[in-house]
C-alpha cells in the first residue's frame, strides 16, 4: 500500500483517524461474526430504490464505521461538491471545463437550465431523425440501396459505453423495415476491420465516426481504411462520403474537412467527458438498436438516479454508500482490487466499461491543488460474467491469498416479458436464469461466511485444502429486470460512485492526462 494509513493527518478529531482506530478495533472481526452480533443485519444494510435493490450487509463494516464514513464525507464537503457537479461550475479544474453529463439526460421540460436543456434536446432530436430514417428504410446509400449494416468506429468512451449497452439490451432490439445490424470497431491495428469488412456490402453499409475531438488516431485510421474500401467499390465521389458516413464530435469544422454532410453531423460539447458520453449522440448505435423510446428510457433511468443522488441522505444514498464502502476497503482494509461479477451474459462488457469509468477517472496521483495524494486512489477494477468467472478465477477468491472486494450484479427475472423472442423455450430458460441467480447469491454467501455457509456434517474433519476462510467483502445489486430504464440506473450509480470517491481523495475525475501525452511519442515512433 503506497499510502499507508500511518500517514494520515495527526489531528485526532479527523474522521480518518477515527476510521483508523476502527480498523484496529475491528480488523479481526469476521463477516459471520458481524451477522451474529446483528441478527437483522440484512435489513439494516440494504436499500431499495425504484427497481433496484442494494445489499451491502456482507461488507466488513459496523454501524459505527458507517457513521464514521459518513462523517468523512461531510468533512470533505460532499454535499457542496454534489451541488457543484449539478451546476455549471468548472469542476474539471485541469481543463477548465464543466462536467455536465447529467444534463444529457434531463427531461425536455426541465426548467432549471432551460437553454442548456434546449441545446441538448436539439442534438438528440437530430439523432432521432436519422434513427427514424434508417429504421424506416428511407436512408439510402450512394447507389440508392437501403442501409442494412451500421458500423460504429470509435475508441474508449466512444466505443465501450455504446457497445456495452447495445449488447446488454439486445432483447429490446426494435423491428426495422429491413434487418439492421450494428457493429463496433475500435482497435487501431485493423484486426476488427479485417474480420468485418468481408461480411459487409459497401452499398448497404453506413459508418459512424464517433470521436469527441475528431482527432483520435485510432478512430481516424480505421475511418480512413473504410473510406478507401468504399471508394474502391463505389468510386471516388463526394456522394459516397456524404451518404455512407455520420460524424459525432465537438468539432464541426473537422467533420466538414473530412467531407461529412452537415445533416449527418451530430454535435456534443466539451463538457461531456468521453467515458460519460453514451447519453449523448455518442449513443447513436444504442438508439439504432433499441429505438428512440428505449433510448429515452435509458436516459430516464439515469436521471432518476441523478435525483436520488442529489436528494437522499448519505445513509440511504446508494452511490454514496458504494463509494464509501470502496474507500473503506481500499484505504483502510488494504483491499486493492475490485471484481465486477454480473450474473447475466448480456452484461459481458460491463466490467470493461467500468474499468474505464473507474480507473481512467480516479487513477490519479495528484490532488486538485497540485500536491501528491495523501491516500491510495482507485483500486484495480476487473471482472467477468459470473458463471464463467466461477470456472476461471473464483478459486483465487475463495482460497487464494489476495483480499478482493466484489460487486455481484443480477436481474431478478428474465424471459417472461413480451419482448422475449424465444417464447417456445421460455420455461427451460427461466429455470436457467434462476440457476444463475442462485449461483450469484450462493457465491456471495460463501465468500462472506466461508465454511459456515456449507451444509457439511463433521466440518472439522474436512482437510484444510477443502475449507473456505471467507471474509471476502461484497455488495449485491439486484435489478427487477435488465431493461433500458434499469440499465440507465445501474450505469449512473457507478458514475456517481466514482465522483464521490474523487471528492474523498481530492482528485479530478474528469481529466485523463495519463495517456494524452503518448501521442507525441507515437508520432516519433510511427515516423521511424
Protein backbone atom coordinates (compact mmCIF):
# COMPACT_ATOMS: atom_id res chain seq x y z
CA UNK A 1 0.00 0.00 0.00
CA UNK A 2 1.77 3.10 -1.23
CA UNK A 3 -0.13 5.49 1.00
CA UNK A 4 -0.38 3.89 4.43
CA UNK A 5 -2.99 4.85 6.98
CA UNK A 6 0.03 5.56 9.19
CA UNK A 7 0.45 8.72 7.11
CA UNK A 8 -2.98 10.08 8.00
CA UNK A 9 -3.20 13.59 9.49
CA UNK A 10 -2.20 13.84 13.14
CA UNK A 11 -5.39 15.68 14.09
CA UNK A 12 -7.07 13.14 16.36
CA UNK A 13 -10.50 14.62 15.63
CA UNK A 14 -10.08 13.82 11.94
CA UNK A 15 -12.58 11.23 10.62
CA UNK A 16 -9.60 9.48 9.04
CA UNK A 17 -8.02 8.95 12.46
CA UNK A 18 -11.30 7.69 13.88
CA UNK A 19 -11.61 5.24 11.00
CA UNK A 20 -8.03 4.12 11.53
CA UNK A 21 -8.95 3.39 15.14
CA UNK A 22 -11.95 1.39 13.93
CA UNK A 23 -9.66 -0.71 11.76
CA UNK A 24 -7.55 -1.55 14.79
CA UNK A 25 -10.62 -2.48 16.84
CA UNK A 26 -12.47 -4.45 14.17
CA UNK A 27 -9.79 -5.86 11.87
CA UNK A 28 -10.15 -9.36 13.31
CA UNK A 29 -13.94 -9.43 13.15
CA UNK A 30 -15.20 -11.93 10.58
CA UNK A 31 -18.29 -11.20 8.49
CA UNK A 32 -20.00 -14.21 10.06
CA UNK A 33 -19.42 -12.63 13.49
CA UNK A 34 -20.93 -9.34 12.29
CA UNK A 35 -24.11 -11.22 11.37
CA UNK A 36 -24.10 -12.99 14.73
CA UNK A 37 -23.77 -9.66 16.56
CA UNK A 38 -26.52 -8.06 14.48
CA UNK A 39 -29.24 -10.59 13.52
CA UNK A 40 -31.15 -8.01 11.44
CA UNK A 41 -28.04 -7.02 9.53
CA UNK A 42 -29.57 -7.76 6.12
CA UNK A 43 -32.44 -5.35 6.77
CA UNK A 44 -30.14 -2.73 8.29
CA UNK A 45 -27.57 -2.78 5.49
CA UNK A 46 -29.69 -2.77 2.35
CA UNK A 47 -31.51 -0.12 0.33
CA UNK A 48 -34.41 -0.46 -2.13
CA UNK A 49 -34.68 2.29 -4.72
CA UNK A 50 -37.11 2.16 -7.62
CA UNK A 51 -36.45 -1.13 -9.45
CA UNK A 52 -33.06 -1.72 -7.84
CA UNK A 53 -32.02 -3.37 -4.59
CA UNK A 54 -28.60 -2.79 -3.00
CA UNK A 55 -27.41 -5.23 -0.32
CA UNK A 56 -24.16 -4.36 1.43
CA UNK A 57 -24.68 -6.49 4.53
CA UNK A 58 -21.72 -8.70 3.56
CA UNK A 59 -19.27 -5.81 3.77
CA UNK A 60 -16.85 -5.70 6.72
CA UNK A 61 -18.43 -2.69 8.40
CA UNK A 62 -20.38 -1.89 11.55
CA UNK A 63 -22.91 0.81 12.29
CA UNK A 64 -20.15 2.84 13.93
CA UNK A 65 -17.86 2.51 10.92
CA UNK A 66 -20.66 3.58 8.58
CA UNK A 67 -21.29 6.64 10.74
CA UNK A 68 -17.59 7.49 10.60
CA UNK A 69 -17.53 7.08 6.81
CA UNK A 70 -20.48 9.46 6.52
CA UNK A 71 -18.63 11.86 8.82
CA UNK A 72 -15.66 11.62 6.46
CA UNK A 73 -17.91 12.52 3.52
CA UNK A 74 -19.23 15.52 5.44
CA UNK A 75 -15.70 16.52 6.40
CA UNK A 76 -14.79 16.51 2.70
CA UNK A 77 -17.84 18.73 1.98
CA UNK A 78 -19.50 16.15 -0.23
CA UNK A 79 -22.87 17.94 -0.26
CA UNK A 80 -21.24 21.10 -1.60
CA UNK A 81 -19.40 19.10 -4.25
CA UNK A 82 -22.61 17.39 -5.36
CA UNK A 83 -24.21 20.81 -5.70
CA UNK A 84 -21.24 22.00 -7.74
CA UNK A 85 -21.47 18.95 -10.01
CA UNK A 86 -25.14 19.64 -10.75
CA UNK A 87 -24.49 23.24 -11.73
CA UNK A 88 -22.42 24.89 -14.39
CA UNK A 89 -19.27 25.13 -12.27
CA UNK A 90 -15.99 24.26 -13.97
CA UNK A 91 -15.14 21.44 -11.60
CA UNK A 92 -12.85 19.84 -14.19
CA UNK A 93 -10.11 22.10 -12.89
CA UNK A 94 -7.19 20.99 -15.08
CA UNK A 95 -9.11 21.59 -18.31
CA UNK A 96 -11.27 24.46 -17.03
CA UNK A 97 -14.47 22.74 -18.06
CA UNK A 98 -17.79 21.86 -16.55
CA UNK A 99 -18.71 18.18 -16.07
CA UNK A 100 -22.36 18.16 -17.07
CA UNK A 101 -23.02 14.67 -18.40
CA UNK A 102 -26.06 14.67 -16.12
CA UNK A 103 -27.55 17.37 -18.39
CA UNK A 104 -27.68 14.89 -21.27
CA UNK A 105 -30.49 13.00 -19.52
CA UNK A 106 -32.57 15.96 -18.36
CA UNK A 107 -36.23 15.73 -19.45
CA UNK A 108 -37.13 18.23 -22.17
CA UNK A 109 -39.47 20.04 -19.78
CA UNK A 110 -36.76 20.53 -17.12
CA UNK A 111 -36.93 24.20 -16.09
CA UNK A 112 -33.78 24.82 -14.03
CA UNK A 113 -31.44 25.11 -17.02
CA UNK A 114 -33.78 25.91 -19.95
CA UNK A 115 -31.15 26.94 -22.52
CA UNK A 116 -28.88 24.01 -21.69
CA UNK A 117 -31.77 21.57 -21.87
CA UNK A 118 -32.88 23.06 -25.18
CA UNK A 119 -29.44 22.64 -26.77
CA UNK A 120 -29.18 19.04 -25.58
CA UNK A 121 -32.57 18.13 -26.98
CA UNK A 122 -31.88 19.82 -30.32
CA UNK A 123 -29.00 17.42 -30.89
CA UNK A 124 -30.93 14.43 -29.58
CA UNK A 125 -33.78 15.26 -31.95
CA UNK A 126 -31.35 15.43 -34.88
CA UNK A 127 -30.13 11.97 -33.89
CA UNK A 128 -33.70 10.69 -33.55
CA UNK A 129 -34.49 11.94 -37.07
CA UNK A 130 -31.62 9.92 -38.51
CA UNK A 131 -32.66 6.88 -36.47
CA UNK A 132 -36.21 7.08 -37.83
CA UNK A 133 -34.98 7.36 -41.43
CA UNK A 134 -32.68 4.37 -41.07
CA UNK A 135 -35.33 2.27 -39.33
CA UNK A 136 -37.92 3.11 -41.99
CA UNK A 137 -35.55 2.21 -44.84
CA UNK A 138 -35.61 5.82 -46.04
CA UNK A 139 -31.88 6.40 -45.57
CA UNK A 140 -30.13 5.26 -48.73
CA UNK A 141 -26.51 4.74 -49.68
CA UNK A 142 -24.81 6.29 -52.71
CA UNK A 143 -26.32 3.67 -55.05
CA UNK A 144 -29.83 4.10 -53.67
CA UNK A 145 -29.90 0.88 -51.65
CA UNK A 146 -31.29 0.70 -48.12
CA UNK A 147 -28.75 0.69 -45.28
CA UNK A 148 -28.64 -2.68 -43.51
CA UNK A 149 -25.35 -2.54 -41.60
CA UNK A 150 -24.11 0.27 -39.38
CA UNK A 151 -20.53 0.24 -38.08
CA UNK A 152 -19.59 2.42 -35.13
CA UNK A 153 -15.93 3.47 -35.34
CA UNK A 154 -14.70 4.82 -32.01
CA UNK A 155 -12.46 4.01 -29.10
CA UNK A 156 -12.61 4.45 -25.33
CA UNK A 157 -15.80 6.23 -24.33
CA UNK A 158 -16.96 6.33 -27.96
CA UNK A 159 -16.91 2.54 -28.04
CA UNK A 160 -17.05 0.93 -24.58
CA UNK A 161 -20.30 2.53 -23.41
CA UNK A 162 -22.33 2.17 -26.62
CA UNK A 163 -21.00 -1.36 -27.17
CA UNK A 164 -21.80 -2.45 -23.62
CA UNK A 165 -25.34 -1.05 -23.69
CA UNK A 166 -26.15 -2.25 -27.21
CA UNK A 167 -25.14 -5.80 -26.30
CA UNK A 168 -26.88 -5.69 -22.92
CA UNK A 169 -30.18 -4.58 -24.42
CA UNK A 170 -30.25 -6.84 -27.48
CA UNK A 171 -33.56 -8.30 -26.24
CA UNK A 172 -35.08 -4.87 -26.87
CA UNK A 173 -33.96 -4.57 -30.48
CA UNK A 174 -36.67 -2.83 -32.49
CA UNK A 175 -38.12 -4.07 -35.76
CA UNK A 176 -37.00 -2.17 -38.85
CA UNK A 177 -38.14 -2.04 -42.48
CA UNK A 178 -35.18 -4.23 -43.39
CA UNK A 179 -32.98 -6.19 -40.97
CA UNK A 180 -30.42 -3.85 -39.42
CA UNK A 181 -27.15 -4.97 -37.86
CA UNK A 182 -24.95 -2.77 -35.66
CA UNK A 183 -21.21 -3.46 -35.38
CA UNK A 184 -18.33 -1.94 -33.41
CA UNK A 185 -14.73 -1.29 -34.43
CA UNK A 186 -12.16 0.21 -32.06
CA UNK A 187 -8.67 -1.27 -32.33
CA UNK A 188 -6.11 0.66 -34.36
CA UNK A 189 -4.36 -2.49 -35.62
CA UNK A 190 -7.05 -3.18 -38.21
CA UNK A 191 -7.85 -6.68 -36.96
CA UNK A 192 -11.52 -5.95 -36.31
CA UNK A 193 -11.95 -4.37 -39.74
CA UNK A 194 -10.18 -7.29 -41.36
CA UNK A 195 -12.72 -9.66 -39.82
CA UNK A 196 -15.73 -7.44 -40.52
CA UNK A 197 -15.39 -5.89 -43.96
CA UNK A 198 -15.63 -9.13 -45.91
CA UNK A 199 -19.05 -9.67 -44.30
CA UNK A 200 -20.41 -6.30 -45.48
CA UNK A 201 -21.65 -4.84 -48.75
CA UNK A 202 -20.36 -1.30 -49.40
CA UNK A 203 -23.68 -0.33 -51.00
CA UNK A 204 -25.67 -1.03 -47.80
CA UNK A 205 -23.17 -0.08 -45.08
CA UNK A 206 -23.16 3.13 -43.05
CA UNK A 207 -20.24 4.15 -40.83
CA UNK A 208 -20.41 6.32 -37.71
CA UNK A 209 -17.16 8.14 -36.94
CA UNK A 210 -17.55 8.71 -33.23
CA UNK A 211 -14.79 10.93 -31.85
CA UNK A 212 -15.16 13.83 -29.45
CA UNK A 213 -12.02 15.53 -30.81
CA UNK A 214 -12.26 14.08 -34.32
CA UNK A 215 -8.52 13.68 -33.99
CA UNK A 216 -8.06 10.34 -32.23
CA UNK A 217 -5.60 8.38 -34.35
CA UNK A 218 -7.18 5.00 -33.53
CA UNK A 219 -10.53 6.14 -34.88
CA UNK A 220 -9.31 8.14 -37.86
CA UNK A 221 -7.02 5.35 -39.07
CA UNK A 222 -9.98 2.96 -39.10
CA UNK A 223 -12.17 5.61 -40.74
CA UNK A 224 -9.60 6.18 -43.50
CA UNK A 225 -9.38 2.45 -44.17
CA UNK A 226 -13.15 2.06 -44.60
CA UNK A 227 -13.27 5.20 -46.74
CA UNK A 228 -10.76 3.62 -49.11
CA UNK A 229 -12.80 0.40 -49.05
CA UNK A 230 -15.96 2.30 -50.01
CA UNK A 231 -14.30 4.40 -52.69
CA UNK A 232 -12.68 1.34 -54.25
CA UNK A 233 -16.11 -0.27 -54.58
CA UNK A 234 -18.29 2.75 -55.30
CA UNK A 235 -15.91 5.30 -56.81
CA UNK A 236 -14.26 8.47 -55.52
CA UNK A 237 -17.31 10.70 -55.41
CA UNK A 238 -18.38 13.21 -52.77
CA UNK A 239 -21.72 11.46 -52.52
CA UNK A 240 -20.01 8.29 -51.28
CA UNK A 241 -18.67 10.01 -48.16
CA UNK A 242 -21.81 12.10 -47.73
CA UNK A 243 -24.09 9.06 -47.95
CA UNK A 244 -22.05 6.50 -46.03
CA UNK A 245 -20.65 8.44 -43.07
CA UNK A 246 -22.16 10.07 -40.00
CA UNK A 247 -19.92 12.02 -37.64
CA UNK A 248 -20.36 12.56 -33.90
CA UNK A 249 -17.96 15.11 -32.46
CA UNK A 250 -17.46 18.51 -30.84
CA UNK A 251 -15.57 19.62 -33.97
CA UNK A 252 -17.93 20.56 -36.80
CA UNK A 253 -15.08 22.11 -38.79
CA UNK A 254 -13.10 18.86 -38.78
CA UNK A 255 -16.14 16.89 -39.87
CA UNK A 256 -16.59 19.37 -42.72
CA UNK A 257 -12.97 18.93 -43.77
CA UNK A 258 -13.41 15.17 -43.78
CA UNK A 259 -16.39 15.55 -46.11
CA UNK A 260 -19.25 14.56 -43.82
CA UNK A 261 -22.55 16.12 -44.88
CA UNK A 262 -23.88 18.78 -42.46
CA UNK A 263 -27.13 16.84 -41.95
CA UNK A 264 -25.03 13.85 -40.89
CA UNK A 265 -23.07 15.74 -38.25
CA UNK A 266 -24.18 15.25 -34.65
CA UNK A 267 -22.62 17.52 -32.06
CA UNK A 268 -21.69 17.23 -28.42
CA UNK A 269 -19.90 19.58 -26.07
CA UNK A 270 -16.50 19.88 -24.40
CA UNK A 271 -18.19 19.41 -21.02
CA UNK A 272 -19.10 15.83 -21.94
CA UNK A 273 -16.26 13.51 -20.96
CA UNK A 274 -15.81 10.57 -23.31
CA UNK A 275 -16.46 7.94 -20.64
CA UNK A 276 -19.66 9.79 -19.67
CA UNK A 277 -20.89 10.32 -23.23
CA UNK A 278 -23.15 7.37 -24.04
CA UNK A 279 -26.13 9.54 -23.06
CA UNK A 280 -25.33 11.96 -25.91
CA UNK A 281 -25.30 11.36 -29.67
CA UNK A 282 -22.33 9.08 -28.98
CA UNK A 283 -25.18 6.74 -28.07
CA UNK A 284 -26.40 6.69 -31.69
CA UNK A 285 -25.73 2.91 -32.01
CA UNK A 286 -27.81 2.37 -28.86
CA UNK A 287 -30.76 4.29 -30.30
CA UNK A 288 -30.42 2.40 -33.59
CA UNK A 289 -30.68 -0.87 -31.67
CA UNK A 290 -33.37 -0.23 -29.06
CA UNK A 291 -35.20 2.64 -30.74
CA UNK A 292 -35.99 6.15 -29.62
CA UNK A 293 -38.38 5.09 -26.85
CA UNK A 294 -35.80 2.65 -25.50
CA UNK A 295 -33.05 5.28 -25.57
CA UNK A 296 -35.30 7.73 -23.74
CA UNK A 297 -35.97 5.08 -21.10
CA UNK A 298 -32.21 4.65 -20.67
CA UNK A 299 -31.90 8.39 -20.07
CA UNK A 300 -34.88 8.37 -17.70
CA UNK A 301 -33.32 5.66 -15.53
CA UNK A 302 -30.08 7.62 -15.24
CA UNK A 303 -31.98 10.81 -14.43
CA UNK A 304 -33.87 9.01 -11.66
CA UNK A 305 -30.52 8.15 -10.06
CA UNK A 306 -29.37 11.76 -10.51
CA UNK A 307 -32.36 12.82 -8.43
CA UNK A 308 -31.75 10.09 -5.86
CA UNK A 309 -28.08 11.13 -5.59
CA UNK A 310 -28.94 14.79 -5.03
CA UNK A 311 -31.86 14.37 -2.67
CA UNK A 312 -31.19 11.34 -0.46
CA UNK A 313 -29.37 11.31 2.86
CA UNK A 314 -25.94 9.73 2.66
CA UNK A 315 -27.02 6.82 4.87
CA UNK A 316 -29.60 5.73 2.23
CA UNK A 317 -27.86 7.10 -0.86
CA UNK A 318 -26.74 4.14 -2.95
CA UNK A 319 -23.91 5.74 -4.96
CA UNK A 320 -22.59 7.40 -1.79
CA UNK A 321 -22.69 4.07 0.05
CA UNK A 322 -20.96 2.30 -2.85
CA UNK A 323 -18.23 4.93 -2.80
CA UNK A 324 -17.70 4.93 0.95
CA UNK A 325 -17.54 1.14 1.06
CA UNK A 326 -14.89 1.30 -1.64
CA UNK A 327 -12.94 3.85 0.42
CA UNK A 328 -13.17 1.60 3.48
CA UNK A 329 -11.99 -1.47 1.58
CA UNK A 330 -9.20 0.27 -0.31
CA UNK A 331 -7.80 2.75 2.20
CA UNK A 332 -8.48 1.00 5.50
CA UNK A 333 -8.65 -2.74 4.83
CA UNK A 334 -5.91 -2.57 2.20
CA UNK A 335 -8.05 -4.35 -0.42
CA UNK A 336 -6.68 -3.03 -3.67
CA UNK A 337 -8.54 -4.98 -6.33
CA UNK A 338 -12.26 -4.92 -7.02
CA UNK A 339 -14.11 -7.56 -9.08
CA UNK A 340 -17.30 -6.81 -11.03
CA UNK A 341 -19.31 -10.02 -11.40
CA UNK A 342 -22.56 -9.75 -13.39
CA UNK A 343 -24.65 -12.93 -13.43
CA UNK A 344 -26.16 -12.29 -16.83
CA UNK A 345 -24.40 -12.88 -20.14
CA UNK A 346 -25.93 -9.73 -21.57
CA UNK A 347 -23.65 -7.75 -19.24
CA UNK A 348 -20.47 -9.36 -20.60
CA UNK A 349 -18.97 -5.94 -21.46
CA UNK A 350 -19.88 -4.26 -18.17
CA UNK A 351 -16.55 -4.94 -16.46
CA UNK A 352 -14.59 -3.43 -19.36
CA UNK A 353 -16.85 -0.38 -19.33
CA UNK A 354 -16.42 0.09 -15.58
CA UNK A 355 -12.67 -0.34 -15.88
CA UNK A 356 -12.55 2.81 -17.96
CA UNK A 357 -15.14 4.67 -15.89
CA UNK A 358 -13.34 4.00 -12.61
CA UNK A 359 -9.65 3.72 -13.48
CA UNK A 360 -9.48 6.49 -16.08
CA UNK A 361 -11.44 8.76 -13.76
CA UNK A 362 -9.77 8.03 -10.43
CA UNK A 363 -6.43 6.51 -11.40
CA UNK A 364 -4.70 9.72 -10.30
CA UNK A 365 -1.77 10.53 -8.02
CA UNK A 366 -2.10 14.32 -7.90
CA UNK A 367 -4.69 16.28 -5.92
CA UNK A 368 -6.75 19.16 -7.21
CA UNK A 369 -4.28 21.57 -5.60
CA UNK A 370 -1.34 20.05 -7.47
CA UNK A 371 0.07 18.21 -4.46
CA UNK A 372 0.68 14.47 -4.31
CA UNK A 373 -2.27 12.48 -2.97
CA UNK A 374 -2.38 11.57 0.71
CA UNK A 375 -4.10 8.21 0.18
CA UNK A 376 -4.20 5.43 -2.38
CA UNK A 377 -6.76 6.20 -5.06
CA UNK A 378 -8.56 3.86 -7.46
CA UNK A 379 -8.18 0.11 -6.93
CA UNK A 380 -7.67 -2.21 -9.88
CA UNK A 381 -11.09 -2.99 -11.37
CA UNK A 382 -11.58 -6.29 -13.17
CA UNK A 383 -14.23 -8.91 -13.70
CA UNK A 384 -16.14 -11.29 -15.92
CA UNK A 385 -19.62 -12.71 -16.31
CA UNK A 386 -20.12 -14.59 -13.04
CA UNK A 387 -20.92 -18.13 -14.25
CA UNK A 388 -17.81 -18.08 -16.48
CA UNK A 389 -15.69 -16.50 -13.76
CA UNK A 390 -16.60 -19.34 -11.39
CA UNK A 391 -14.64 -21.65 -13.67
CA UNK A 392 -11.76 -19.22 -14.15
CA UNK A 393 -10.69 -17.23 -11.10
CA UNK A 394 -13.11 -17.94 -8.23
CA UNK A 395 -10.51 -20.37 -6.92
CA UNK A 396 -8.41 -17.30 -6.05
CA UNK A 397 -11.38 -15.53 -4.49
CA UNK A 398 -12.25 -18.47 -2.27
CA UNK A 399 -8.88 -19.94 -1.33
CA UNK A 400 -6.19 -17.56 -2.55
CA UNK A 401 -4.08 -15.14 -0.53
CA UNK A 402 -5.46 -11.92 -2.03
CA UNK A 403 -8.24 -9.94 -0.40
CA UNK A 404 -10.69 -8.89 -3.12
CA UNK A 405 -13.89 -6.87 -2.84
CA UNK A 406 -16.70 -7.79 -5.23
CA UNK A 407 -19.88 -6.43 -6.75
CA UNK A 408 -22.40 -9.14 -7.63
CA UNK A 409 -24.96 -7.88 -10.16
CA UNK A 410 -28.03 -9.74 -11.41
CA UNK A 411 -31.57 -9.21 -12.71
CA UNK A 412 -34.22 -10.98 -10.66
CA UNK A 413 -36.33 -12.03 -13.64
CA UNK A 414 -35.90 -12.68 -17.34
CA UNK A 415 -37.58 -14.50 -20.23
CA UNK A 416 -41.10 -13.62 -19.18
CA UNK A 417 -41.60 -10.27 -20.92
CA UNK A 418 -43.30 -9.53 -24.23
CA UNK A 419 -40.03 -8.58 -25.95
CA UNK A 420 -38.52 -12.03 -25.36
CA UNK A 421 -38.23 -13.68 -28.78
CA UNK A 422 -37.75 -17.34 -27.83
CA UNK A 423 -41.12 -17.89 -26.18
CA UNK A 424 -41.21 -21.59 -27.05
CA UNK A 425 -38.17 -22.16 -24.80
CA UNK A 426 -39.27 -19.82 -22.04
CA UNK A 427 -39.86 -22.43 -19.32
CA UNK A 428 -36.41 -24.02 -19.63
CA UNK A 429 -34.69 -20.66 -19.99
CA UNK A 430 -36.44 -19.24 -16.94
CA UNK A 431 -35.10 -22.21 -14.99
CA UNK A 432 -31.60 -21.48 -16.30
CA UNK A 433 -31.90 -17.86 -15.23
CA UNK A 434 -32.95 -18.96 -11.74
CA UNK A 435 -29.90 -21.24 -11.67
CA UNK A 436 -27.62 -18.28 -12.46
CA UNK A 437 -29.31 -16.11 -9.84
CA UNK A 438 -28.97 -18.86 -7.24
CA UNK A 439 -25.27 -19.16 -8.07
CA UNK A 440 -24.88 -15.40 -7.63
CA UNK A 441 -26.39 -15.44 -4.15
CA UNK A 442 -24.62 -18.64 -3.11
CA UNK A 443 -21.20 -17.42 -4.20
CA UNK A 444 -21.53 -14.13 -2.34
CA UNK A 445 -22.58 -16.03 0.78
CA UNK A 446 -19.67 -18.48 0.54
CA UNK A 447 -17.18 -15.64 0.03
CA UNK A 448 -18.53 -13.94 3.13
CA UNK A 449 -19.13 -16.81 5.54
CA UNK A 450 -16.62 -19.39 4.36
CA UNK A 451 -17.08 -22.80 5.99
CA UNK A 452 -20.11 -21.54 7.92
CA UNK A 453 -22.03 -21.32 4.64
CA UNK A 454 -21.55 -25.00 3.92
CA UNK A 455 -24.03 -27.65 4.96
CA UNK A 456 -21.34 -30.18 5.72
CA UNK A 457 -21.52 -32.62 8.60
CA UNK A 458 -18.38 -33.09 10.61
CA UNK A 459 -16.91 -29.93 9.10
CA UNK A 460 -13.91 -30.11 11.39
CA UNK A 461 -12.85 -33.34 9.68
CA UNK A 462 -12.55 -31.68 6.28
CA UNK A 463 -8.93 -31.43 5.11
CA UNK A 464 -7.67 -27.86 5.08
CA UNK A 465 -7.46 -27.75 1.29
CA UNK A 466 -11.24 -28.25 1.12
CA UNK A 467 -12.05 -25.46 3.56
CA UNK A 468 -13.07 -21.84 2.96
CA UNK A 469 -11.90 -18.96 5.10
CA UNK A 470 -14.47 -16.49 3.82
CA UNK A 471 -14.45 -12.85 4.97
CA UNK A 472 -14.20 -11.53 1.40
CA UNK A 473 -16.46 -8.44 1.35
CA UNK A 474 -19.05 -7.95 -1.35
CA UNK A 475 -22.14 -5.99 -2.28
CA UNK A 476 -25.05 -7.30 -4.33
CA UNK A 477 -27.02 -5.18 -6.81
CA UNK A 478 -30.30 -6.73 -7.95
CA UNK A 479 -32.39 -5.28 -10.78
CA UNK A 480 -36.04 -6.21 -11.14
CA UNK A 481 -35.11 -7.00 -14.74
CA UNK A 482 -32.50 -5.85 -17.22
CA UNK A 483 -34.24 -3.24 -19.35
CA UNK A 484 -33.24 0.20 -20.68
CA UNK A 485 -34.53 2.09 -17.64
CA UNK A 486 -32.81 -0.16 -15.11
CA UNK A 487 -29.54 -0.26 -17.04
CA UNK A 488 -29.59 3.55 -17.09
CA UNK A 489 -29.94 3.47 -13.32
CA UNK A 490 -27.10 0.99 -12.90
CA UNK A 491 -24.65 2.99 -15.01
CA UNK A 492 -25.49 6.27 -13.27
CA UNK A 493 -24.93 4.64 -9.86
CA UNK A 494 -21.35 3.86 -10.84
CA UNK A 495 -20.80 7.30 -12.35
CA UNK A 496 -21.75 8.96 -9.08
CA UNK A 497 -19.82 6.43 -7.01
CA UNK A 498 -16.71 7.49 -8.94
CA UNK A 499 -17.42 11.16 -8.29
CA UNK A 500 -17.91 10.67 -4.55
CA UNK A 501 -14.61 8.82 -4.27
CA UNK A 502 -12.85 11.59 -6.17
CA UNK A 503 -14.12 14.06 -3.58
CA UNK A 504 -12.80 11.95 -0.71
CA UNK A 505 -9.41 11.59 -2.44
CA UNK A 506 -9.41 15.27 -3.55
CA UNK A 507 -8.66 14.44 -7.17
CA UNK A 508 -10.14 15.48 -10.52
CA UNK A 509 -12.06 12.53 -12.03
CA UNK A 510 -12.82 14.30 -15.31
CA UNK A 511 -9.41 14.51 -17.00
CA UNK A 512 -7.08 11.80 -18.32
CA UNK A 513 -3.63 13.25 -18.87
CA UNK A 514 -2.05 9.85 -18.32
CA UNK A 515 -2.48 8.78 -21.95
CA UNK A 516 -2.73 12.07 -23.85
CA UNK A 517 1.00 12.80 -23.98
CA UNK A 518 1.66 9.40 -25.52
CA UNK A 519 0.55 10.87 -28.86
CA UNK A 520 3.81 12.83 -29.11
CA UNK A 521 5.83 9.66 -28.65
CA UNK A 522 3.56 7.88 -31.10
CA UNK A 523 4.39 10.33 -33.88
CA UNK A 524 8.13 9.85 -33.50
CA UNK A 525 7.84 6.04 -33.42
CA UNK A 526 5.44 5.99 -36.38
CA UNK A 527 7.80 8.14 -38.46
CA UNK A 528 10.69 5.83 -37.55
